[in-house]
N, C-alpha and C. Protein backbone atom coordinates (compact mmCIF):
# COMPACT_ATOMS: atom_id res chain seq x y z
N MET A 1 -8.99 -77.63 -21.19
CA MET A 1 -10.15 -78.09 -20.44
C MET A 1 -9.68 -78.56 -19.07
N TYR A 2 -10.32 -78.08 -18.06
CA TYR A 2 -9.93 -78.45 -16.71
C TYR A 2 -10.93 -79.43 -16.11
N LYS A 3 -10.48 -80.11 -15.07
CA LYS A 3 -11.33 -81.06 -14.36
C LYS A 3 -11.60 -80.51 -12.96
N SER A 4 -12.79 -80.73 -12.46
CA SER A 4 -13.16 -80.25 -11.15
C SER A 4 -13.73 -81.41 -10.33
N TYR A 5 -13.25 -81.51 -9.10
CA TYR A 5 -13.71 -82.55 -8.18
C TYR A 5 -14.16 -81.88 -6.89
N SER A 6 -15.19 -82.41 -6.26
CA SER A 6 -15.62 -81.85 -4.98
C SER A 6 -16.17 -82.96 -4.10
N MET A 7 -16.09 -82.72 -2.79
CA MET A 7 -16.60 -83.66 -1.82
C MET A 7 -16.85 -82.92 -0.51
N GLU A 8 -17.69 -83.49 0.32
CA GLU A 8 -17.93 -82.94 1.64
C GLU A 8 -16.90 -83.52 2.60
N LEU A 9 -16.27 -82.66 3.38
CA LEU A 9 -15.26 -83.09 4.33
C LEU A 9 -15.42 -82.28 5.61
N ALA A 10 -15.79 -82.94 6.69
CA ALA A 10 -15.98 -82.31 8.00
C ALA A 10 -16.97 -81.14 7.93
N GLY A 11 -18.02 -81.31 7.19
CA GLY A 11 -19.07 -80.30 7.12
C GLY A 11 -18.83 -79.16 6.15
N ARG A 12 -17.71 -79.19 5.43
CA ARG A 12 -17.41 -78.17 4.44
C ARG A 12 -17.15 -78.83 3.10
N THR A 13 -17.23 -78.04 2.06
CA THR A 13 -16.98 -78.56 0.71
C THR A 13 -15.51 -78.39 0.35
N LEU A 14 -14.86 -79.48 -0.02
CA LEU A 14 -13.50 -79.46 -0.55
C LEU A 14 -13.63 -79.54 -2.07
N MET A 15 -13.12 -78.53 -2.77
CA MET A 15 -13.21 -78.50 -4.23
C MET A 15 -11.80 -78.38 -4.81
N VAL A 16 -11.47 -79.23 -5.78
CA VAL A 16 -10.16 -79.23 -6.42
C VAL A 16 -10.37 -79.03 -7.91
N ASP A 17 -9.74 -77.98 -8.45
CA ASP A 17 -9.76 -77.72 -9.89
C ASP A 17 -8.37 -78.04 -10.43
N VAL A 18 -8.28 -78.96 -11.36
CA VAL A 18 -7.00 -79.38 -11.93
C VAL A 18 -6.86 -78.74 -13.30
N ASP A 19 -5.71 -78.05 -13.50
CA ASP A 19 -5.35 -77.38 -14.76
C ASP A 19 -6.32 -76.27 -15.16
N ARG A 20 -6.94 -75.62 -14.18
CA ARG A 20 -7.82 -74.48 -14.47
C ARG A 20 -7.01 -73.21 -14.67
N VAL A 21 -5.93 -73.07 -13.93
CA VAL A 21 -5.05 -71.91 -14.02
C VAL A 21 -3.63 -72.38 -14.28
N CYS A 22 -2.73 -71.46 -14.54
CA CYS A 22 -1.30 -71.74 -14.75
C CYS A 22 -1.06 -72.65 -15.94
N ALA A 23 -1.49 -72.23 -17.08
CA ALA A 23 -1.36 -73.06 -18.29
C ALA A 23 0.09 -73.30 -18.70
N GLN A 24 1.02 -72.45 -18.25
CA GLN A 24 2.42 -72.63 -18.62
C GLN A 24 3.11 -73.70 -17.77
N SER A 25 2.52 -74.13 -16.67
CA SER A 25 3.12 -75.17 -15.85
C SER A 25 2.72 -76.55 -16.38
N ASN A 26 3.44 -77.57 -15.95
CA ASN A 26 3.10 -78.92 -16.37
C ASN A 26 1.86 -79.45 -15.68
N GLY A 27 1.57 -78.92 -14.52
CA GLY A 27 0.37 -79.32 -13.80
C GLY A 27 0.06 -78.31 -12.70
N ALA A 28 -1.21 -78.10 -12.44
CA ALA A 28 -1.61 -77.16 -11.39
C ALA A 28 -2.92 -77.61 -10.76
N ALA A 29 -3.03 -77.41 -9.46
CA ALA A 29 -4.26 -77.73 -8.75
C ALA A 29 -4.64 -76.52 -7.90
N LEU A 30 -5.87 -76.10 -8.01
CA LEU A 30 -6.41 -75.01 -7.21
C LEU A 30 -7.41 -75.64 -6.25
N MET A 31 -7.12 -75.57 -4.94
CA MET A 31 -7.94 -76.25 -3.95
C MET A 31 -8.66 -75.24 -3.07
N HIS A 32 -9.95 -75.46 -2.87
CA HIS A 32 -10.78 -74.59 -2.04
C HIS A 32 -11.37 -75.42 -0.91
N TYR A 33 -11.23 -74.91 0.32
CA TYR A 33 -11.83 -75.57 1.47
C TYR A 33 -12.30 -74.49 2.43
N GLY A 34 -13.59 -74.29 2.49
CA GLY A 34 -14.13 -73.21 3.31
C GLY A 34 -13.67 -71.87 2.77
N ASP A 35 -13.02 -71.07 3.61
CA ASP A 35 -12.51 -69.76 3.20
C ASP A 35 -11.06 -69.81 2.73
N THR A 36 -10.48 -70.99 2.65
CA THR A 36 -9.07 -71.14 2.30
C THR A 36 -8.93 -71.63 0.86
N THR A 37 -8.01 -71.00 0.12
CA THR A 37 -7.70 -71.42 -1.24
C THR A 37 -6.20 -71.62 -1.35
N VAL A 38 -5.78 -72.74 -1.94
CA VAL A 38 -4.37 -73.07 -2.11
C VAL A 38 -4.12 -73.38 -3.58
N LEU A 39 -3.05 -72.80 -4.13
CA LEU A 39 -2.62 -73.09 -5.50
C LEU A 39 -1.33 -73.87 -5.43
N SER A 40 -1.30 -75.02 -6.10
CA SER A 40 -0.11 -75.85 -6.15
C SER A 40 0.24 -76.09 -7.61
N THR A 41 1.48 -75.80 -7.99
CA THR A 41 1.91 -75.98 -9.38
C THR A 41 3.15 -76.84 -9.44
N CYS A 42 3.40 -77.41 -10.62
CA CYS A 42 4.57 -78.25 -10.82
C CYS A 42 5.09 -78.03 -12.24
N THR A 43 6.40 -77.88 -12.36
CA THR A 43 7.03 -77.78 -13.67
C THR A 43 8.19 -78.76 -13.73
N ALA A 44 8.54 -79.19 -14.93
CA ALA A 44 9.63 -80.13 -15.11
C ALA A 44 10.30 -79.89 -16.45
N SER A 45 11.56 -80.25 -16.51
CA SER A 45 12.33 -80.14 -17.74
C SER A 45 12.22 -81.45 -18.52
N ALA A 46 12.36 -81.36 -19.81
CA ALA A 46 12.29 -82.56 -20.64
C ALA A 46 13.53 -83.45 -20.44
N LYS A 47 14.66 -82.84 -20.08
CA LYS A 47 15.88 -83.62 -19.85
C LYS A 47 16.63 -83.04 -18.65
N PRO A 48 17.38 -83.86 -17.94
CA PRO A 48 18.11 -83.38 -16.76
C PRO A 48 19.27 -82.46 -17.13
N ARG A 49 19.62 -81.56 -16.21
CA ARG A 49 20.75 -80.66 -16.42
C ARG A 49 22.03 -81.32 -15.92
N ASP A 50 23.10 -81.14 -16.65
CA ASP A 50 24.39 -81.71 -16.26
C ASP A 50 24.95 -80.95 -15.06
N GLY A 51 25.62 -81.68 -14.17
CA GLY A 51 26.30 -81.08 -13.04
C GLY A 51 25.43 -80.85 -11.82
N ILE A 52 24.19 -81.21 -11.86
CA ILE A 52 23.33 -81.06 -10.69
C ILE A 52 23.10 -82.44 -10.09
N ASP A 53 23.59 -82.61 -8.85
CA ASP A 53 23.44 -83.90 -8.19
C ASP A 53 22.46 -83.82 -7.02
N PHE A 54 21.56 -82.85 -7.06
CA PHE A 54 20.56 -82.71 -6.02
C PHE A 54 19.24 -82.29 -6.66
N PHE A 55 18.20 -82.36 -5.89
CA PHE A 55 16.88 -81.97 -6.37
C PHE A 55 16.58 -80.55 -5.89
N PRO A 56 16.66 -79.55 -6.77
CA PRO A 56 16.37 -78.19 -6.34
C PRO A 56 14.89 -78.06 -5.97
N PHE A 57 14.64 -77.44 -4.85
CA PHE A 57 13.28 -77.32 -4.36
C PHE A 57 12.96 -75.86 -4.02
N PRO A 58 12.75 -75.04 -5.04
CA PRO A 58 12.37 -73.65 -4.76
C PRO A 58 10.90 -73.57 -4.39
N TRP A 59 10.57 -72.71 -3.46
CA TRP A 59 9.18 -72.55 -3.06
C TRP A 59 8.96 -71.13 -2.57
N SER A 60 7.75 -70.73 -2.61
CA SER A 60 7.40 -69.42 -2.09
C SER A 60 5.98 -69.50 -1.52
N THR A 61 5.73 -68.68 -0.53
CA THR A 61 4.40 -68.63 0.07
C THR A 61 3.94 -67.18 0.13
N ARG A 62 2.67 -67.00 0.10
CA ARG A 62 2.08 -65.69 0.25
C ARG A 62 0.81 -65.86 1.08
N ARG A 63 0.81 -65.20 2.20
CA ARG A 63 -0.36 -65.30 3.08
C ARG A 63 -1.12 -63.99 3.02
N ARG A 64 -2.41 -64.11 2.78
CA ARG A 64 -3.25 -62.93 2.72
C ARG A 64 -4.42 -63.10 3.66
N CYS A 65 -4.62 -62.12 4.47
CA CYS A 65 -5.77 -62.10 5.37
C CYS A 65 -6.70 -60.99 4.93
N ILE A 66 -7.86 -61.35 4.53
CA ILE A 66 -8.83 -60.37 4.07
C ILE A 66 -9.95 -60.30 5.11
N PRO A 67 -10.17 -59.11 5.70
CA PRO A 67 -11.22 -59.01 6.74
C PRO A 67 -12.61 -59.18 6.19
């Protein structure tokens, strides 16, 4: 079951759907603002890995322009 929140911001509707997609991640938010949609996900391990003394931060972006 997902949660949906919306509000008016600068004359447009900002809508946030939490845990609507990406069921395999620990958390996901799908945000809509005007013609823009952003998906943000987060995953975590139950226990830390040995030998890693930094916070790995992998990321990827995909930009799509649809006429």
